[in-house]
Protein backbone atom coordinates (compact mmCIF):
# COMPACT_ATOMS: atom_id res chain seq x y z
CA MET A 1 52.27 53.98 61.17
CA PRO A 2 50.19 57.14 61.81
CA ARG A 3 51.27 59.38 64.71
CA SER A 4 49.23 59.40 67.86
CA PRO A 5 47.46 62.75 68.38
CA PHE A 6 48.27 62.53 72.09
CA LEU A 7 52.01 62.18 71.35
CA SER A 8 51.98 65.24 69.06
CA LEU A 9 50.12 67.29 71.67
CA PHE A 10 52.57 66.20 74.37
CA ARG A 11 55.57 67.22 72.25
CA ARG A 12 54.02 70.61 71.49
CA ILE A 13 53.32 71.35 75.16
CA ALA A 14 56.83 70.20 76.18
CA GLY A 15 58.39 72.49 73.56
CA ILE A 16 56.39 75.47 74.80
CA LEU A 17 57.42 74.79 78.41
CA LEU A 18 61.12 74.48 77.49
CA VAL A 19 61.03 77.79 75.61
CA ALA A 20 59.30 79.50 78.55
CA LEU A 21 61.81 78.04 81.00
CA GLY A 22 64.71 79.24 78.86
CA CYS A 23 63.27 82.74 78.80
CA LEU A 24 62.87 82.77 82.57
CA LEU A 25 66.46 81.60 83.11
CA ALA A 26 67.88 84.08 80.64
CA ALA A 27 65.95 87.07 82.01
CA PRO A 28 68.03 87.55 85.20
CA VAL A 29 71.25 87.13 83.22
CA VAL A 30 70.27 89.78 80.73
CA SER A 31 69.08 92.06 83.52
CA ALA A 32 72.32 91.58 85.47
CA ALA A 33 74.39 92.24 82.35
CA GLN A 34 72.49 95.48 81.70
CA THR A 35 72.93 96.76 85.27
CA PRO A 36 76.54 97.71 86.11
CA THR A 37 77.74 97.32 89.69
CA VAL A 38 80.24 99.34 91.69
CA LEU A 39 82.00 97.85 94.71
CA VAL A 40 82.09 100.40 97.53
CA MET A 41 84.29 100.31 100.64
CA ARG A 42 84.89 102.78 103.44
CA ILE A 43 88.22 103.78 105.03
CA ASP A 44 87.96 105.67 108.31
CA GLY A 45 90.75 106.28 110.78
CA THR A 46 94.40 105.27 110.67
CA ILE A 47 95.95 103.45 107.70
CA THR A 48 97.17 100.15 109.13
CA PRO A 49 98.05 96.69 107.75
CA VAL A 50 94.38 95.81 108.30
CA VAL A 51 93.28 98.60 105.95
CA ALA A 52 95.94 97.58 103.43
CA ASP A 53 94.68 93.98 103.44
CA HIS A 54 91.07 95.13 103.21
CA LEU A 55 91.69 97.40 100.22
CA GLY A 56 93.82 94.78 98.48
CA GLU A 57 91.01 92.28 98.98
CA GLY A 58 88.58 94.86 97.59
CA VAL A 59 90.65 95.22 94.41
CA ARG A 60 90.79 91.46 93.93
CA THR A 61 87.06 91.10 94.62
CA ALA A 62 86.18 93.83 92.10
CA GLU A 63 88.33 92.12 89.47
CA ARG A 64 86.97 88.65 90.21
CA GLU A 65 83.29 89.61 90.34
CA GLY A 66 83.39 91.91 87.32
CA HIS A 67 82.43 95.24 88.94
CA VAL A 68 82.88 98.28 86.73
CA ALA A 69 84.82 100.13 89.44
CA LEU A 70 85.96 100.09 93.07
CA LEU A 71 84.87 103.20 94.96
CA VAL A 72 86.87 104.00 98.11
CA GLU A 73 85.22 106.57 100.36
CA MET A 74 87.89 107.90 102.68
CA ASP A 75 88.46 110.03 105.76
CA THR A 76 91.87 109.46 107.34
CA PRO A 77 94.52 111.40 109.31
CA GLY A 78 97.26 109.16 107.85
CA GLY A 79 99.00 106.05 109.02
CA LEU A 80 101.89 103.69 108.40
CA LEU A 81 104.06 104.36 105.36
CA GLN A 82 104.62 100.66 104.65
CA SER A 83 100.87 99.97 104.60
CA THR A 84 100.42 103.01 102.33
CA ARG A 85 102.97 101.64 99.87
CA GLU A 86 101.13 98.30 99.75
CA ILE A 87 97.83 100.07 99.03
CA VAL A 88 99.37 102.26 96.31
CA GLN A 89 100.92 99.20 94.65
CA ASP A 90 97.54 97.43 94.60
CA VAL A 91 95.81 100.49 93.16
CA LEU A 92 98.41 101.15 90.46
CA ALA A 93 98.32 97.51 89.31
CA SER A 94 94.52 97.16 89.46
CA ASP A 95 92.68 95.96 86.35
CA VAL A 96 89.54 97.68 87.68
CA PRO A 97 89.25 101.48 87.92
CA VAL A 98 89.77 102.62 91.52
CA ILE A 99 87.91 105.79 92.51
CA VAL A 100 88.89 107.56 95.74
CA HIS A 101 86.33 110.00 97.14
CA VAL A 102 87.33 112.08 100.17
CA THR A 103 83.98 112.37 101.91
CA PRO A 104 81.84 113.53 103.74
CA SER A 105 82.23 117.27 104.15
CA GLY A 106 84.82 117.95 106.83
CA ALA A 107 86.77 114.79 106.00
CA ARG A 108 90.45 114.77 105.09
CA ALA A 109 92.97 112.79 103.11
CA ALA A 110 96.01 113.67 105.19
CA SER A 111 99.46 112.13 105.06
CA ALA A 112 98.99 108.50 103.94
CA GLY A 113 95.52 109.36 102.64
CA ALA A 114 97.02 111.92 100.25
CA TYR A 115 99.33 109.32 98.67
CA ILE A 116 96.39 106.93 98.21
CA THR A 117 94.20 109.65 96.66
CA LEU A 118 96.93 110.65 94.20
CA SER A 119 97.33 107.00 93.12
CA ALA A 120 93.64 106.50 92.24
CA HIS A 121 92.47 106.31 88.64
CA VAL A 122 89.92 108.96 89.59
CA ALA A 123 90.47 111.28 92.60
CA ALA A 124 87.45 113.17 93.92
CA MET A 125 86.70 115.29 96.97
CA ALA A 126 83.51 116.45 98.63
CA PRO A 127 83.02 120.17 99.34
CA GLY A 128 84.61 121.20 102.62
CA THR A 129 87.35 118.54 102.60
CA HIS A 130 91.14 118.91 102.36
CA ILE A 131 94.18 116.92 101.26
CA GLY A 132 97.92 117.00 101.93
CA ALA A 133 100.33 117.18 104.90
CA GLY A 134 102.27 114.14 103.70
CA THR A 135 105.52 114.70 105.61
CA PRO A 136 106.60 111.40 107.21
CA VAL A 137 107.07 111.42 110.99
CA THR A 138 108.62 109.04 113.49
CA GLY A 139 106.75 107.00 116.08
CA GLN A 140 107.26 109.84 118.56
CA GLY A 141 105.59 112.36 116.21
CA GLU A 142 108.84 114.07 115.20
CA GLU A 143 109.74 114.81 111.59
CA ALA A 144 111.66 111.97 109.98
CA SER A 145 115.24 112.25 108.80
CA GLU A 146 116.12 113.99 105.54
CA LYS A 147 116.82 110.61 103.94
CA VAL A 148 113.31 109.35 104.73
CA VAL A 149 111.74 112.62 103.58
CA ASN A 150 113.58 112.50 100.25
CA ASP A 151 112.42 108.95 99.73
CA ALA A 152 108.81 109.97 100.45
CA VAL A 153 109.12 112.93 98.05
CA ALA A 154 110.25 110.63 95.25
CA PHE A 155 107.40 108.24 96.06
CA ALA A 156 104.74 110.98 95.94
CA VAL A 157 106.11 112.60 92.77
CA SER A 158 106.29 109.25 90.94
CA ILE A 159 102.62 108.61 91.77
CA ALA A 160 101.59 112.08 90.55
CA GLU A 161 103.55 111.63 87.32
CA GLN A 162 101.93 108.27 86.58
CA ARG A 163 98.44 109.70 87.13
CA GLU A 164 99.29 113.04 85.42
CA ARG A 165 98.56 115.06 88.54
CA SER A 166 100.38 118.03 90.04
CA THR A 167 103.95 117.02 90.87
CA ASP A 168 104.53 120.40 92.53
CA PHE A 169 101.78 119.69 95.02
CA ALA A 170 103.06 116.15 95.57
CA ARG A 171 106.52 117.53 96.33
CA ASP A 172 105.30 120.36 98.56
CA MET A 173 102.90 118.23 100.59
CA VAL A 174 105.82 116.01 101.61
CA ARG A 175 108.65 118.55 101.81
CA ASP A 176 106.70 121.43 103.38
CA GLY A 177 103.64 119.64 104.76
CA LYS A 178 101.36 121.57 102.39
CA SER A 179 97.61 120.94 102.64
CA VAL A 180 94.91 122.38 100.35
CA SER A 181 91.13 122.54 100.22
CA ASP A 182 88.96 120.72 97.70
CA GLN A 183 88.65 123.74 95.37
CA GLU A 184 92.37 124.48 95.47
CA ALA A 185 93.15 120.80 94.84
CA LEU A 186 90.86 120.89 91.79
CA ARG A 187 92.47 124.11 90.51
CA ILE A 188 96.04 122.81 90.71
CA LYS A 189 94.94 119.43 89.24
CA ALA A 190 95.73 117.40 92.33
CA VAL A 191 92.28 115.81 92.02
CA ASP A 192 89.89 115.33 89.11
CA LEU A 193 86.56 116.64 90.38
CA VAL A 194 84.52 117.79 93.38
CA ALA A 195 81.31 115.88 94.07
CA PRO A 196 79.04 116.34 97.09
CA SER A 197 77.64 112.79 97.18
CA ARG A 198 78.10 109.28 95.90
CA ASP A 199 75.23 109.49 93.40
CA VAL A 200 76.49 112.75 91.93
CA LEU A 201 79.99 111.34 91.67
CA LEU A 202 78.91 108.19 89.83
CA THR A 203 76.75 110.24 87.46
CA GLU A 204 79.54 112.70 86.60
CA LEU A 205 82.05 109.88 86.06
CA ASP A 206 79.87 108.09 83.50
CA GLY A 207 81.63 107.95 80.16
CA ARG A 208 85.05 108.99 81.50
CA ARG A 209 88.01 107.13 80.00
CA VAL A 210 90.78 105.83 82.26
CA MET A 211 93.83 103.60 81.79
CA VAL A 212 93.96 100.54 84.04
CA GLY A 213 96.37 97.66 84.55
CA PRO A 214 100.06 97.40 85.44
CA ASP A 215 102.81 99.07 83.42
CA GLY A 216 103.28 97.45 80.04
CA ALA A 217 99.78 95.95 80.05
CA GLU A 218 97.61 99.05 80.31
CA ARG A 219 94.26 99.24 78.58
CA GLU A 220 91.62 101.93 78.24
CA VAL A 221 88.33 101.51 80.08
CA VAL A 222 85.18 103.62 79.73
CA LEU A 223 83.39 104.07 83.04
CA ASN A 224 79.74 103.04 83.00
CA THR A 225 78.65 104.26 86.42
CA ALA A 226 75.41 106.18 85.84
CA GLY A 227 72.68 104.32 87.72
CA ALA A 228 75.12 101.58 88.75
CA GLN A 229 74.07 99.26 91.53
CA VAL A 230 76.18 99.66 94.69
CA VAL A 231 77.65 96.56 96.36
CA GLU A 232 79.10 97.13 99.84
CA HIS A 233 82.49 95.65 100.72
CA GLU A 234 82.53 95.88 104.51
CA LEU A 235 85.40 95.32 106.89
CA GLY A 236 83.28 93.01 109.05
CA PHE A 237 83.34 92.30 112.78
CA PHE A 238 86.77 90.66 112.86
CA GLY A 239 88.17 93.31 110.55
CA GLU A 240 86.96 96.05 112.88
CA LEU A 241 88.46 94.14 115.81
CA ARG A 242 91.80 93.74 114.02
CA GLN A 243 91.77 97.44 113.16
CA LEU A 244 91.23 98.22 116.83
CA LEU A 245 94.04 95.88 117.89
CA ALA A 246 96.36 97.41 115.27
CA SER A 247 95.83 100.91 116.60
CA PRO A 248 99.16 102.56 117.53
CA GLU A 249 97.37 104.21 120.44
CA LEU A 250 96.82 100.78 122.01
CA ALA A 251 100.36 99.53 121.35
CA TYR A 252 101.84 101.40 124.31
CA LEU A 253 99.05 100.17 126.58
CA PHE A 254 99.48 96.54 125.48
CA LEU A 255 103.26 96.60 125.93
CA SER A 256 103.09 98.35 129.32
CA ILE A 257 100.47 96.08 130.86
CA GLY A 258 101.99 92.97 129.28
CA THR A 259 105.45 93.77 130.66
CA LEU A 260 104.06 94.42 134.15
CA ALA A 261 102.08 91.17 134.07
CA VAL A 262 105.16 89.13 133.10
CA ILE A 263 107.27 90.82 135.81
CA TYR A 264 104.55 90.15 138.39
CA GLU A 265 104.44 86.50 137.34
CA LEU A 266 108.22 86.12 137.55
CA ALA A 267 108.24 87.71 141.01
CA GLY A 268 105.87 85.08 142.40
CA PRO A 269 106.08 81.30 142.45
CA GLY A 270 104.27 79.11 139.98
CA MET A 271 102.60 80.00 136.72
CA GLY A 272 99.33 81.92 136.77
CA PHE A 273 96.97 83.78 134.51
CA ALA A 274 99.00 87.00 134.81
CA GLY A 275 101.93 85.45 132.96
CA VAL A 276 99.72 84.09 130.19
CA LEU A 277 97.90 87.39 129.81
CA GLY A 278 101.22 89.24 129.75
CA VAL A 279 102.55 87.14 126.88
CA VAL A 280 99.32 87.61 124.89
CA LEU A 281 99.41 91.39 125.41
CA LEU A 282 103.07 91.60 124.40
CA VAL A 283 102.32 89.79 121.13
CA LEU A 284 99.36 92.11 120.47
CA GLY A 285 101.54 95.13 121.26
CA PHE A 286 104.20 94.09 118.75
CA VAL A 287 101.46 93.47 116.16
CA ALA A 288 100.01 96.95 116.82
CA LEU A 289 103.45 98.48 116.21
CA SER A 290 103.80 96.41 113.01
CA VAL A 291 106.93 94.81 114.46
CA LEU A 292 105.17 91.47 113.97
CA PRO A 293 102.95 90.81 110.93
CA PHE A 294 99.44 89.65 111.70
CA ASN A 295 100.12 86.14 110.44
CA VAL A 296 103.25 85.78 112.61
CA GLY A 297 101.47 87.14 115.67
CA GLY A 298 98.55 84.79 115.09
CA LEU A 299 100.88 81.81 114.66
CA LEU A 300 102.70 82.62 117.92
CA LEU A 301 99.40 82.85 119.78
CA LEU A 302 98.26 79.57 118.22
CA LEU A 303 101.44 77.83 119.42
CA LEU A 304 101.00 79.40 122.86
CA ALA A 305 97.42 78.10 123.01
CA ALA A 306 98.56 74.57 122.10
CA ALA A 307 101.28 74.67 124.79
CA LEU A 308 98.81 75.89 127.43
CA PHE A 309 96.23 73.22 126.59
CA ALA A 310 98.95 70.56 126.82
CA ALA A 311 100.06 72.00 130.17
CA GLU A 312 96.49 71.79 131.45
CA VAL A 313 96.39 68.07 130.65
CA ILE A 314 99.84 67.35 132.11
CA THR A 315 99.49 69.45 135.27
CA PRO A 316 95.76 69.94 135.88
CA GLY A 317 94.83 72.65 138.33
CA VAL A 318 92.04 75.17 138.63
CA GLY A 319 91.91 75.71 134.84
CA VAL A 320 94.38 78.63 134.56
CA PHE A 321 96.22 77.06 131.62
CA ALA A 322 92.96 76.19 129.87
CA ALA A 323 91.58 79.72 130.33
CA GLY A 324 94.80 81.26 129.05
CA GLY A 325 94.84 78.86 126.10
CA THR A 326 91.24 79.78 125.24
CA VAL A 327 92.06 83.51 125.23
CA SER A 328 95.19 82.90 123.16
CA LEU A 329 93.25 80.72 120.68
CA LEU A 330 90.59 83.41 120.24
CA PHE A 331 93.13 86.11 119.42
CA ALA A 332 95.01 83.68 117.15
CA GLY A 333 91.81 83.16 115.17
CA VAL A 334 91.30 86.92 114.91
CA LEU A 335 94.84 87.62 113.69
CA LEU A 336 95.66 84.53 111.66
CA PHE A 337 92.58 84.01 109.49
CA ARG A 338 91.65 87.00 107.33
CA GLY A 339 90.07 87.81 104.00
CA GLU A 340 88.66 84.80 102.19
CA LEU A 341 90.16 82.53 104.87
CA GLY A 342 88.41 84.40 107.67
CA VAL A 343 86.74 82.34 110.37
CA ASP A 344 83.09 83.01 111.09
CA PRO A 345 82.54 84.17 114.71
CA ALA A 346 79.84 81.52 115.04
CA VAL A 347 82.60 78.94 114.50
CA LEU A 348 85.54 80.57 116.30
CA TRP A 349 83.93 81.33 119.68
CA PRO A 350 82.35 77.87 120.24
CA THR A 351 85.49 76.13 118.98
CA ALA A 352 87.72 77.98 121.43
CA LEU A 353 85.35 77.31 124.31
CA VAL A 354 84.97 73.62 123.43
CA VAL A 355 88.75 73.14 123.13
CA GLY A 356 89.32 74.96 126.41
CA GLY A 357 86.65 72.95 128.19
CA GLY A 358 87.97 69.75 126.62
CA SER A 359 91.48 70.43 127.93
CA ILE A 360 90.09 70.88 131.45
CA LEU A 361 88.16 67.61 131.18
CA ALA A 362 91.22 65.79 129.80
CA GLY A 363 93.31 67.16 132.64
CA ARG A 364 90.82 65.95 135.23
CA LEU A 365 90.71 62.49 133.65
CA ALA A 366 94.50 62.30 133.59
CA TRP A 367 94.70 63.41 137.23
CA ARG A 368 92.13 60.78 138.24
CA ALA A 369 94.00 58.09 136.31
CA ARG A 370 97.25 58.95 138.05
CA ARG A 371 95.59 58.68 141.45
CA ALA A 372 93.78 55.42 140.66
CA PRO A 373 95.29 52.18 142.01
CA ALA A 374 97.55 50.27 139.63
CA THR A 375 95.95 47.44 137.68
CA THR A 376 99.07 45.90 136.09
CA GLY A 377 102.64 45.12 137.08
CA HIS A 378 104.10 44.57 140.55
CA GLN A 379 102.13 47.40 142.11
CA ALA A 380 98.88 45.71 141.10
CA LEU A 381 99.79 42.66 143.27
CA VAL A 382 100.05 44.65 146.50
CA GLY A 383 97.37 43.42 148.92
CA HIS A 384 96.95 40.03 147.29
CA GLU A 385 97.30 36.90 149.45
CA ALA A 386 98.87 33.56 148.54
CA VAL A 387 100.37 30.37 150.01
CA VAL A 388 104.13 29.73 149.89
CA ARG A 389 104.63 26.48 147.90
CA ARG A 390 108.39 26.22 147.98
CA ALA A 391 110.89 27.78 150.39
CA ALA A 392 114.68 27.77 150.46
CA GLY A 393 117.38 30.18 151.64
CA GLY A 394 114.91 32.62 153.19
CA THR A 395 112.83 33.05 150.01
CA GLY A 396 109.94 31.15 148.58
CA GLN A 397 107.68 30.84 145.59
CA VAL A 398 103.97 31.51 145.30
CA TRP A 399 101.46 31.09 142.48
CA LEU A 400 99.72 34.42 142.01
CA GLU A 401 97.64 35.84 139.18
CA GLY A 402 98.59 33.02 136.81
CA ALA A 403 102.36 33.15 137.35
CA TRP A 404 105.06 32.00 139.77
CA TRP A 405 106.60 34.78 141.88
CA ILE A 406 109.63 34.82 144.20
CA VAL A 407 108.69 36.20 147.61
CA ARG A 408 110.75 37.41 150.53
CA GLY A 409 109.50 38.10 154.02
CA ARG A 410 109.59 41.64 155.22
CA ASP A 411 110.42 40.80 158.83
CA ALA A 412 111.35 37.11 158.76
CA ALA A 413 112.07 34.28 156.35
CA VAL A 414 109.09 32.62 154.76
CA ALA A 415 108.26 28.95 155.23
CA GLU A 416 106.53 26.44 152.97
CA GLY A 417 102.78 26.38 153.50
CA GLN A 418 102.79 29.83 155.07
CA HIS A 419 99.90 32.19 154.20
CA VAL A 420 101.29 35.59 153.16
CA ARG A 421 100.12 38.97 151.87
CA VAL A 422 102.06 41.09 149.34
CA VAL A 423 103.00 44.48 150.82
CA ASP A 424 105.71 45.73 148.41
CA HIS A 425 108.15 44.68 145.71
CA ASP A 426 111.89 44.85 145.20
CA GLY A 427 112.75 44.44 141.55
CA LEU A 428 111.29 41.11 140.50
CA GLU A 429 110.78 39.92 144.07
CA LEU A 430 107.62 40.47 146.09
CA ILE A 431 107.89 41.57 149.72
CA VAL A 432 105.34 39.72 151.87
CA GLU A 433 104.21 39.46 155.46
CA HIS A 434 102.70 36.55 157.34
CA VAL A 435 98.90 36.63 157.77
CA GLU A 436 96.45 34.20 159.25
CA PRO A 437 94.14 32.66 156.67
CA ALA A 438 90.51 33.67 156.92
CA GLN A 439 88.20 31.20 158.62
CA GLY A 440 87.20 28.47 156.20
CA GLN A 441 89.85 29.48 153.65
CA GLY A 442 91.94 26.48 152.56
CA THR A 443 95.51 26.46 151.47
CA GLU A 444 94.83 24.85 148.09
CA GLN A 445 95.04 27.02 144.99
CA LYS A 446 92.96 25.58 142.19
CA ASP A 447 94.71 27.54 139.42
CA GLU A 448 98.18 26.23 140.32
CA PRO A 449 99.67 24.10 137.52
């Protein structure tokens, strides 16, 4: 049979549309493939477990999303040695080139920052910056013991050897607290280059070859950073809050106020908001000192919140337990859920408020139920009236609420045909008193079998 001209035209138009659609869908992919991206994050202030988690997450994000490099712009006076070790381990094992840029002018990579800079695949500094002073100190600011210093020296030298940087500087910055300027650091090969800005740095790094990956699985990568698109990797609201809570400067304040609040609560009767606040501040203080990991601190606060909400239901009052549980639940959400598991503030705040308000409502309902008159059992029969049908030996039997009950007079023995009212119970016996039947009320009980 001959083909319909309309069918041929339809097929031709459909083919043209499919080709055009394919071109449109492929265009963004080709464009994205031709435009390299660099993940950029900023480290300001003290190196804490929060910063270590944030940088580790940045490394994993850069690897997962296929960025050509992770650029860390840094200005830090130092921080915790354990957090520094975690960061260095993540950087040394990264499958994506990690670039550390000490910037802006006037910034520093002191103490912990110097170790991190030495560990980078590419170490850069802005004009007017300095690096060094890596001698470990105690929590009181005093120089650490010789054993700790020797361990830190070995740590710094091993990093410099792996990155082929100055081991003499690595040793001196720990042993003698040596610190050098950007130009001196470039001269002694402690860093790779000096760049005044991010754009200049990415342009100068284009085409540089670096080795990435863990030991035994290293591979060479050519940096393609000229004109790369920058993708920000921010700490976020909760991250900034955790960084504030992890500040060693606040640890002393948390522990002092928390201890005073607990002592004040123990000195007075009852359990008030001071005791709850004291426990929360003590947990935050131990987290700030890194005595408790963030996850452990968050879990303790979560358990405290659950206990306080249960206490509000069991012993309802003016809402002290519910308020304390709400505060504890908020801080638990801040500490416990981080990184990809982080809770959005738009979810955390309403959830804590709803749970706190719900515990107050549940407590009020429980309190009202406990005060309501009984509806079952012996207590529910108090106040009911009945007629004694059988009597013998000072007790009798009545038919009440569909069952036979043994009754005993409170003041005198009961008699058959007597109208009584239940006033109490003793085991399975009802205690009754004689009452006069209401006018017009008969003595017959229609539901008696």
